[in-house]
Amino acid sequence: MRSLWALILVLAPLHAGGISGEEYRSRRAELRKSLDGVMVLFGANEPEDLHVSFFQDPNFLYLSGWREPGAVMMLTREEEIIFLPERNFREENFTGRKLGAGDPDARDKTGFDRVLPRSALEAEFARLAARSEKIYSIPADPRAGRLLALAPLHEQRSAAALLAPMRMIKSPAEIELLSKAAEASVAAHLAAWKRIRPGLYEYQIAAAMVDTYQELGCERSAYAPIVGSGPNSTILHYMANRRRMDSGEVLLMDVGAECSDYASDVTRTVPVNGRFTARQREIYNIVLGAQNAALAAVKPGVKIRGDHSLYSIAYDYINTHGKDLHGEPLGKYFTHGLSHHVGLDVHDLSDANAPLKAGMVITIEPGIYIPEESIGVRIEDTVLVTETGSRVLSGALPRDPDEIEKLVRK
């Protein structure tokens, strides 16, 4: 297995590569072929809260690659327009220079043939809506609601229904970025294992992990780090990370990096003192067996949930292996889903009922959580569906309990 330092050397140029402007244009062209109305998407605004950095709305980013705030996109089968806010020179003193619609390089920089100021939004919407019967938008966005009020007789549709099938299948460039995010997350987990010891606090481990992937060039965590020891390991989305870890406990770390806008989702459960108890190892091996069974079944055509699904494979394994302290099966302690899609969002836009296809990226994450015993175990990996099966993008991170013990004890 590669060392942490070797991983860092491999991952150092995370800023290189990415999605080309041509790929963004191709995505819009593909969407417009089946667009039977007007689609309006609003980009993210500049945050007013100083605790929050600007990150583009994922749907807007997927179709445009545009990373400045306040933009709006309007698409029809015949046209595509991006609207940019008027430049505010005072605000630019604080947030940096922004592109204006009137700048001579606006078309080249945005990749759109038509670049208009935001002040033209309502007039252009009225023009395009007059030719259409349907308006596609993200219904939860109040900005879209105000614009749609100008076309009250039009049929309103969700843009997510058209975007989900596209975002579920990752391009080669996206797979490369997802692989880098997974490897950065692996490096973070390995760094945490070297740091873990009884008496430290959960937040110290979380800090070591975030520091590792930010040092590698990743812009943020894909989600708030979950670092739960002892009783906290049984809380599915525990994010306080304030407890002191003690010898004899397990530590569950569900921590993933977001690099070049693409997420990863990786969980491991390790012994705080470097050695599983007999009961901890028993539960760990059941979860590992369930994950292996589900991983072996990943291939095109299989479903994530439902009858004869990946979830049922993992649940049946857990429910037929081991008992709780009262002699009852362990299935009731597997209290969440097995899988979700990963991409620009850690829970990526998708249709959970759709069969898997090559190019999809999902998680496989069985778990057992027994509050009575203060034992929570989850093992999670980010997985690419291939033509013949799957490839575990986070597979460089050990799952075997013996190997984990060796690495945590070092």
Protein backbone atom coordinates (compact mmCIF):
# COMPACT_ATOMS: atom_id res chain seq x y z
CA MET A 1 0.00 0.00 0.00
CA ARG A 2 1.24 3.49 -0.81
CA SER A 3 2.41 5.55 2.15
CA LEU A 4 0.76 8.83 3.12
CA TRP A 5 3.73 10.74 1.76
CA ALA A 6 3.54 8.89 -1.54
CA LEU A 7 -0.15 9.76 -1.80
CA ILE A 8 0.63 13.42 -1.15
CA LEU A 9 3.26 13.43 -3.89
CA VAL A 10 0.81 11.89 -6.34
CA LEU A 11 -2.03 14.21 -5.39
CA ALA A 12 -0.12 17.49 -5.13
CA PRO A 13 -1.23 18.98 -8.52
CA LEU A 14 -4.95 18.86 -7.72
CA HIS A 15 -5.41 22.20 -9.44
CA ALA A 16 -4.41 20.68 -12.79
CA GLY A 17 -6.95 19.40 -15.30
CA GLY A 18 -10.68 19.83 -14.82
CA ILE A 19 -13.71 20.19 -17.06
CA SER A 20 -13.11 21.89 -20.39
CA GLY A 21 -15.22 24.71 -21.75
CA GLU A 22 -16.13 22.47 -24.65
CA GLU A 23 -17.59 19.88 -22.26
CA TYR A 24 -19.80 22.51 -20.63
CA ARG A 25 -21.01 23.64 -24.07
CA SER A 26 -21.70 20.02 -25.03
CA ARG A 27 -23.78 19.51 -21.90
CA ARG A 28 -25.95 22.49 -22.72
CA ALA A 29 -26.29 21.39 -26.33
CA GLU A 30 -27.38 17.90 -25.25
CA LEU A 31 -29.92 19.30 -22.80
CA ARG A 32 -31.34 21.73 -25.36
CA LYS A 33 -32.09 18.90 -27.81
CA SER A 34 -34.92 17.67 -25.58
CA LEU A 35 -35.92 21.01 -24.07
CA ASP A 36 -39.55 21.74 -24.93
CA GLY A 37 -39.76 25.09 -23.16
CA VAL A 38 -37.65 27.70 -21.38
CA MET A 39 -35.22 26.70 -18.64
CA VAL A 40 -34.16 29.35 -16.12
CA LEU A 41 -31.39 28.62 -13.62
CA PHE A 42 -30.08 31.05 -11.05
CA GLY A 43 -26.47 30.91 -9.94
CA ALA A 44 -25.50 31.42 -6.33
CA ASN A 45 -25.28 34.95 -4.95
CA GLU A 46 -22.33 36.40 -3.10
CA PRO A 47 -22.83 35.30 0.53
CA GLU A 48 -23.48 38.05 3.06
CA ASP A 49 -22.40 35.86 5.97
CA LEU A 50 -18.63 36.14 6.50
CA HIS A 51 -18.63 32.57 7.83
CA VAL A 52 -19.47 31.29 4.33
CA SER A 53 -17.33 31.28 1.19
CA PHE A 54 -18.85 31.58 -2.27
CA PHE A 55 -19.50 28.30 -4.07
CA GLN A 56 -21.51 28.08 -7.26
CA ASP A 57 -24.89 26.33 -7.38
CA PRO A 58 -24.17 22.76 -8.58
CA ASN A 59 -26.77 22.70 -11.37
CA PHE A 60 -25.59 26.07 -12.65
CA LEU A 61 -21.98 24.96 -12.45
CA TYR A 62 -22.70 21.67 -14.22
CA LEU A 63 -24.05 23.45 -17.29
CA SER A 64 -21.77 26.48 -17.36
CA GLY A 65 -18.57 26.10 -15.35
CA TRP A 66 -19.16 29.73 -14.33
CA ARG A 67 -17.80 30.54 -10.86
CA GLU A 68 -18.80 34.17 -10.28
CA PRO A 69 -21.88 35.12 -8.23
CA GLY A 70 -25.20 36.55 -9.30
CA ALA A 71 -25.46 35.05 -12.80
CA VAL A 72 -28.62 33.66 -14.42
CA MET A 73 -28.85 31.18 -17.30
CA MET A 74 -31.72 30.91 -19.76
CA LEU A 75 -31.92 28.04 -22.25
CA THR A 76 -34.31 27.07 -25.04
CA ARG A 77 -33.92 24.63 -27.89
CA GLU A 78 -32.71 27.48 -30.10
CA GLU A 79 -30.93 29.85 -27.70
CA GLU A 80 -28.71 30.06 -24.64
CA ILE A 81 -28.08 33.26 -22.70
CA ILE A 82 -26.11 34.06 -19.56
CA PHE A 83 -27.01 37.19 -17.61
CA LEU A 84 -24.33 38.82 -15.47
CA PRO A 85 -24.92 41.36 -12.69
CA GLU A 86 -23.82 44.95 -13.13
CA ARG A 87 -20.34 45.54 -11.79
CA ASN A 88 -20.21 47.13 -8.33
CA PHE A 89 -16.83 48.77 -8.00
CA ARG A 90 -17.19 49.36 -4.27
CA GLU A 91 -17.98 45.69 -3.59
CA GLU A 92 -15.12 44.64 -5.85
CA ASN A 93 -12.75 46.28 -3.36
CA PHE A 94 -13.79 43.55 -0.95
CA THR A 95 -14.49 40.56 -3.19
CA GLY A 96 -12.35 41.11 -6.28
CA ARG A 97 -13.01 42.12 -9.85
CA LYS A 98 -16.00 40.58 -11.60
CA LEU A 99 -16.81 40.18 -15.28
CA GLY A 100 -19.45 42.48 -16.71
CA ALA A 101 -21.71 41.73 -19.66
CA GLY A 102 -20.21 44.63 -21.55
CA ASP A 103 -16.61 43.50 -21.17
CA PRO A 104 -15.06 42.67 -24.56
CA ASP A 105 -13.99 39.19 -23.44
CA ALA A 106 -17.33 38.25 -21.83
CA ARG A 107 -18.26 35.71 -24.54
CA ASP A 108 -14.88 33.97 -24.41
CA LYS A 109 -14.78 33.82 -20.62
CA THR A 110 -18.35 32.61 -20.09
CA GLY A 111 -18.54 30.28 -23.11
CA PHE A 112 -21.96 31.72 -24.03
CA ASP A 113 -22.61 33.40 -27.38
CA ARG A 114 -25.08 35.80 -25.78
CA VAL A 115 -24.01 37.61 -22.60
CA LEU A 116 -26.50 40.17 -21.28
CA PRO A 117 -26.79 42.28 -18.12
CA ARG A 118 -29.15 41.13 -15.37
CA SER A 119 -31.28 44.18 -16.11
CA ALA A 120 -32.36 42.47 -19.36
CA LEU A 121 -33.56 39.31 -17.59
CA GLU A 122 -37.30 40.02 -17.37
CA ALA A 123 -37.59 41.30 -20.95
CA GLU A 124 -35.75 38.27 -22.36
CA PHE A 125 -37.81 35.91 -20.23
CA ALA A 126 -41.04 37.46 -21.51
CA ARG A 127 -39.80 37.14 -25.11
CA LEU A 128 -38.84 33.48 -24.80
CA ALA A 129 -41.84 32.53 -22.65
CA ALA A 130 -44.16 33.93 -25.33
CA ARG A 131 -42.88 31.19 -27.65
CA SER A 132 -43.23 28.37 -25.11
CA GLU A 133 -45.84 26.66 -22.99
CA LYS A 134 -43.49 25.20 -20.37
CA ILE A 135 -41.07 26.83 -17.94
CA TYR A 136 -38.34 24.72 -16.29
CA SER A 137 -36.73 25.92 -13.07
CA ILE A 138 -35.73 24.81 -9.59
CA PRO A 139 -39.04 25.30 -7.72
CA ALA A 140 -37.45 25.77 -4.31
CA ASP A 141 -35.55 28.86 -5.50
CA PRO A 142 -37.57 31.96 -4.53
CA ARG A 143 -35.82 34.00 -7.23
CA ALA A 144 -37.28 31.66 -9.83
CA GLY A 145 -40.69 32.02 -8.25
CA ARG A 146 -40.65 35.78 -8.68
CA LEU A 147 -39.73 35.43 -12.35
CA LEU A 148 -42.31 32.71 -12.99
CA ALA A 149 -44.99 35.00 -11.66
CA LEU A 150 -44.60 36.87 -14.95
CA ALA A 151 -45.89 33.78 -16.80
CA PRO A 152 -48.74 32.49 -14.59
CA LEU A 153 -50.48 30.53 -17.35
CA HIS A 154 -47.45 28.49 -18.36
CA GLU A 155 -46.93 24.90 -17.26
CA GLN A 156 -44.17 24.83 -14.66
CA ARG A 157 -41.73 21.92 -14.60
CA SER A 158 -38.72 21.02 -12.46
CA ALA A 159 -35.37 21.43 -14.18
CA ALA A 160 -34.00 18.69 -11.91
CA ALA A 161 -35.96 16.08 -13.84
CA LEU A 162 -33.95 16.89 -16.96
CA LEU A 163 -30.63 17.41 -15.19
CA ALA A 164 -30.65 14.29 -13.00
CA PRO A 165 -30.14 11.72 -15.82
CA MET A 166 -27.26 13.81 -17.16
CA ARG A 167 -25.54 14.35 -13.83
CA MET A 168 -25.83 10.67 -12.89
CA ILE A 169 -23.50 9.59 -15.71
CA LYS A 170 -20.01 10.96 -15.17
CA SER A 171 -17.71 11.90 -18.02
CA PRO A 172 -14.04 10.78 -18.08
CA ALA A 173 -13.02 14.24 -16.85
CA GLU A 174 -15.49 14.03 -13.97
CA ILE A 175 -14.30 10.55 -13.04
CA GLU A 176 -10.73 11.84 -12.90
CA LEU A 177 -11.76 14.62 -10.52
CA LEU A 178 -13.83 12.25 -8.38
CA SER A 179 -10.83 9.90 -8.21
CA LYS A 180 -8.61 12.75 -7.00
CA ALA A 181 -11.16 13.69 -4.35
CA ALA A 182 -11.31 10.08 -3.19
CA GLU A 183 -7.53 9.80 -2.99
CA ALA A 184 -7.29 13.05 -1.05
CA SER A 185 -9.86 11.64 1.38
CA VAL A 186 -7.81 8.45 1.70
CA ALA A 187 -4.75 10.55 2.59
CA ALA A 188 -6.81 12.38 5.22
CA HIS A 189 -7.95 9.13 6.84
CA LEU A 190 -4.41 7.76 6.90
CA ALA A 191 -3.20 10.99 8.52
CA ALA A 192 -5.92 10.60 11.16
CA TRP A 193 -4.88 7.03 11.92
CA LYS A 194 -1.35 8.21 12.64
CA ARG A 195 -2.73 10.88 14.99
CA ILE A 196 -5.26 8.81 16.97
CA ARG A 197 -4.51 7.94 20.56
CA PRO A 198 -6.51 7.79 23.83
CA GLY A 199 -6.96 11.16 25.52
CA LEU A 200 -7.19 13.24 22.36
CA TYR A 201 -10.39 14.97 21.35
CA GLU A 202 -12.50 14.19 18.30
CA TYR A 203 -11.95 17.69 16.94
CA GLN A 204 -8.20 17.12 16.88
CA ILE A 205 -8.69 14.19 14.55
CA ALA A 206 -11.12 16.15 12.39
CA ALA A 207 -8.59 19.00 12.18
CA ALA A 208 -5.83 16.64 11.03
CA MET A 209 -8.08 15.29 8.28
CA VAL A 210 -9.28 18.64 6.97
CA ASP A 211 -5.73 20.01 7.09
CA THR A 212 -4.50 17.08 4.98
CA TYR A 213 -6.84 17.53 2.04
CA GLN A 214 -6.68 21.31 2.14
CA GLU A 215 -2.89 21.01 2.01
CA LEU A 216 -3.43 18.93 -1.14
CA GLY A 217 -5.39 21.76 -2.75
CA CYS A 218 -8.97 20.68 -2.03
CA GLU A 219 -11.21 23.66 -1.42
CA ARG A 220 -13.39 22.33 1.40
CA SER A 221 -14.97 19.36 3.10
CA ALA A 222 -17.66 17.68 1.01
CA TYR A 223 -19.81 17.73 4.18
CA ALA A 224 -19.26 18.54 7.84
CA PRO A 225 -16.77 15.98 9.21
CA ILE A 226 -18.30 13.26 11.37
CA VAL A 227 -15.79 12.04 13.99
CA GLY A 228 -17.58 10.07 16.70
CA SER A 229 -15.97 8.05 19.47
CA GLY A 230 -17.59 5.55 21.84
CA PRO A 231 -21.30 6.42 22.26
CA ASN A 232 -21.02 9.09 19.55
CA SER A 233 -20.15 6.41 17.00
CA THR A 234 -23.79 5.30 17.12
CA ILE A 235 -25.14 8.75 16.10
CA LEU A 236 -25.46 8.73 12.32
CA HIS A 237 -24.77 12.40 11.61
CA TYR A 238 -22.85 13.36 14.74
CA MET A 239 -20.94 16.56 13.88
CA ALA A 240 -20.11 18.20 17.23
CA ASN A 241 -16.73 16.42 17.41
CA ARG A 242 -16.11 17.64 21.00
CA ARG A 243 -15.69 14.45 23.05
CA ARG A 244 -12.44 13.06 24.44
CA MET A 245 -11.61 9.62 23.08
CA ASP A 246 -10.83 6.86 25.54
CA SER A 247 -9.00 3.57 25.27
CA GLY A 248 -11.22 0.61 24.45
CA GLU A 249 -13.59 2.62 22.24
CA VAL A 250 -14.10 2.69 18.50
CA LEU A 251 -13.80 5.89 16.49
CA LEU A 252 -16.04 6.34 13.45
CA MET A 253 -14.75 8.88 10.91
CA ASP A 254 -17.06 9.82 8.04
CA VAL A 255 -14.96 12.48 6.34
CA GLY A 256 -14.58 13.34 2.65
CA ALA A 257 -12.91 16.05 0.61
CA GLU A 258 -14.33 18.26 -2.10
CA CYS A 259 -11.67 18.93 -4.73
CA SER A 260 -12.16 20.99 -7.90
CA ASP A 261 -15.90 21.03 -7.08
CA TYR A 262 -16.27 17.22 -6.90
CA ALA A 263 -17.02 15.35 -3.70
CA SER A 264 -15.94 12.15 -2.05
CA ASP A 265 -17.56 10.17 0.78
CA VAL A 266 -15.43 7.80 2.85
CA THR A 267 -15.97 6.24 6.29
CA ARG A 268 -13.79 4.01 8.41
CA THR A 269 -14.18 2.78 11.98
CA VAL A 270 -11.00 2.09 13.95
CA PRO A 271 -10.02 1.25 17.54
CA VAL A 272 -8.82 4.25 19.53
CA ASN A 273 -6.03 2.27 21.22
CA GLY A 274 -5.10 0.35 18.08
CA ARG A 275 -6.77 -2.93 19.00
CA PHE A 276 -10.41 -3.99 18.54
CA THR A 277 -12.08 -5.82 21.40
CA ALA A 278 -13.52 -9.22 20.49
CA ARG A 279 -17.03 -7.77 20.30
CA GLN A 280 -15.95 -4.75 18.28
CA ARG A 281 -14.15 -6.99 15.83
CA GLU A 282 -17.21 -9.24 15.54
CA ILE A 283 -19.45 -6.30 14.64
CA TYR A 284 -16.80 -4.83 12.34
CA ASN A 285 -16.43 -8.08 10.39
CA ILE A 286 -20.20 -8.33 9.91
CA VAL A 287 -20.30 -4.82 8.44
CA LEU A 288 -17.27 -5.63 6.29
CA GLY A 289 -18.95 -8.81 5.05
CA ALA A 290 -22.08 -6.86 4.16
CA GLN A 291 -20.06 -4.28 2.26
CA ASN A 292 -18.13 -6.97 0.38
CA ALA A 293 -21.38 -8.69 -0.58
CA ALA A 294 -22.85 -5.45 -1.90
CA LEU A 295 -19.65 -4.45 -3.71
CA ALA A 296 -19.57 -7.82 -5.46
CA ALA A 297 -23.10 -7.18 -6.76
CA VAL A 298 -22.47 -3.69 -8.17
CA LYS A 299 -22.90 -3.71 -11.96
CA PRO A 300 -25.08 -2.11 -14.61
CA GLY A 301 -28.76 -3.01 -14.26
CA VAL A 302 -28.75 -3.47 -10.48
CA LYS A 303 -30.82 -1.13 -8.31
CA ILE A 304 -29.72 0.63 -5.15
CA ARG A 305 -32.92 -0.07 -3.25
CA GLY A 306 -36.00 -2.25 -3.51
CA ASP A 307 -36.36 -6.01 -3.95
CA HIS A 308 -33.19 -7.83 -4.99
CA SER A 309 -31.24 -4.56 -4.61
CA LEU A 310 -27.85 -3.66 -3.21
CA TYR A 311 -29.57 -2.57 0.00
CA SER A 312 -31.35 -5.90 0.42
CA ILE A 313 -28.08 -7.79 -0.11
CA ALA A 314 -26.35 -5.82 2.65
CA TYR A 315 -29.34 -5.92 5.01
CA ASP A 316 -29.83 -9.67 4.61
CA TYR A 317 -26.16 -10.27 5.36
CA ILE A 318 -26.28 -8.19 8.52
CA ASN A 319 -29.56 -9.72 9.67
CA THR A 320 -28.24 -13.28 9.30
CA HIS A 321 -24.87 -12.75 10.99
CA GLY A 322 -24.51 -12.10 14.70
CA LYS A 323 -26.91 -11.15 17.49
CA ASP A 324 -27.35 -8.30 19.94
CA LEU A 325 -27.01 -8.77 23.71
CA HIS A 326 -30.61 -10.07 23.81
CA GLY A 327 -30.11 -12.69 21.13
CA GLU A 328 -31.95 -10.75 18.42
CA PRO A 329 -30.75 -10.29 14.81
CA LEU A 330 -28.74 -7.18 13.99
CA GLY A 331 -30.74 -5.98 10.98
CA LYS A 332 -32.65 -3.44 13.07
CA TYR A 333 -29.35 -1.72 13.87
CA PHE A 334 -28.71 -0.96 10.17
CA THR A 335 -30.72 2.26 10.29
CA HIS A 336 -29.94 4.10 7.05
CA GLY A 337 -29.70 3.54 3.32
CA LEU A 338 -26.81 1.72 1.72
CA SER A 339 -25.98 4.03 -1.14
CA HIS A 340 -26.36 7.38 -2.84
CA HIS A 341 -24.88 9.03 -5.92
CA VAL A 342 -21.79 11.25 -5.61
CA GLY A 343 -20.68 14.08 -7.88
CA LEU A 344 -20.81 17.86 -7.59
CA ASP A 345 -22.82 17.19 -4.42
CA VAL A 346 -21.98 14.48 -1.94
CA HIS A 347 -25.63 13.43 -2.23
CA ASP A 348 -25.74 14.10 -5.93
CA LEU A 349 -28.81 14.84 -8.00
CA SER A 350 -30.17 11.44 -9.05
CA ASP A 351 -33.09 9.07 -9.43
CA ALA A 352 -32.67 6.51 -6.67
CA ASN A 353 -35.09 4.12 -8.41
CA ALA A 354 -33.12 4.01 -11.66
CA PRO A 355 -30.95 0.95 -12.40
CA LEU A 356 -27.22 1.51 -12.27
CA LYS A 357 -25.34 2.32 -15.46
CA ALA A 358 -21.66 2.45 -16.30
CA GLY A 359 -20.26 5.85 -15.42
CA MET A 360 -22.34 6.33 -12.27
CA VAL A 361 -20.49 6.99 -9.01
CA ILE A 362 -22.15 5.82 -5.80
CA THR A 363 -21.34 4.95 -2.20
CA ILE A 364 -21.56 1.55 -0.55
CA GLU A 365 -21.91 2.15 3.19
CA PRO A 366 -23.45 -0.52 5.45
CA GLY A 367 -23.41 0.08 9.18
CA ILE A 368 -24.43 -1.33 12.55
CA TYR A 369 -25.15 1.03 15.46
CA ILE A 370 -25.84 -0.42 18.91
CA PRO A 371 -26.29 2.36 21.51
CA GLU A 372 -26.59 -0.16 24.34
CA GLU A 373 -23.00 -1.26 23.66
CA SER A 374 -21.63 2.13 22.52
CA ILE A 375 -20.51 0.46 19.30
CA GLY A 376 -21.15 2.04 15.94
CA VAL A 377 -19.43 0.69 12.85
CA ARG A 378 -19.75 2.06 9.32
CA ILE A 379 -17.51 1.24 6.36
CA GLU A 380 -18.06 3.42 3.32
CA ASP A 381 -16.37 3.77 -0.04
CA THR A 382 -16.91 5.81 -3.18
CA VAL A 383 -17.47 3.42 -6.10
CA LEU A 384 -17.47 3.82 -9.88
CA VAL A 385 -19.87 1.57 -11.80
CA THR A 386 -18.06 0.09 -14.82
CA GLU A 387 -19.28 -1.87 -17.85
CA THR A 388 -18.55 -5.17 -16.09
CA GLY A 389 -18.80 -4.35 -12.39
CA SER A 390 -17.21 -1.64 -10.30
CA ARG A 391 -14.01 0.09 -9.25
CA VAL A 392 -13.60 1.38 -5.69
CA LEU A 393 -12.19 4.89 -6.02
CA SER A 394 -11.27 4.99 -2.33
CA GLY A 395 -9.92 1.44 -2.38
CA ALA A 396 -6.41 2.46 -1.29
CA LEU A 397 -7.72 2.90 2.27
CA PRO A 398 -7.50 -0.45 4.12
CA ARG A 399 -10.64 -2.18 5.35
CA ASP A 400 -9.11 -5.34 6.81
CA PRO A 401 -9.21 -5.09 10.64
CA ASP A 402 -5.70 -6.55 11.06
CA GLU A 403 -4.21 -3.97 8.71
CA ILE A 404 -6.15 -1.17 10.41
CA GLU A 405 -4.80 -2.22 13.79
CA LYS A 406 -1.23 -2.17 12.50
CA LEU A 407 -1.58 1.30 11.02
CA VAL A 408 -3.37 2.82 14.04
CA ARG A 409 -0.81 1.38 16.49
CA LYS A 410 2.15 2.95 14.63
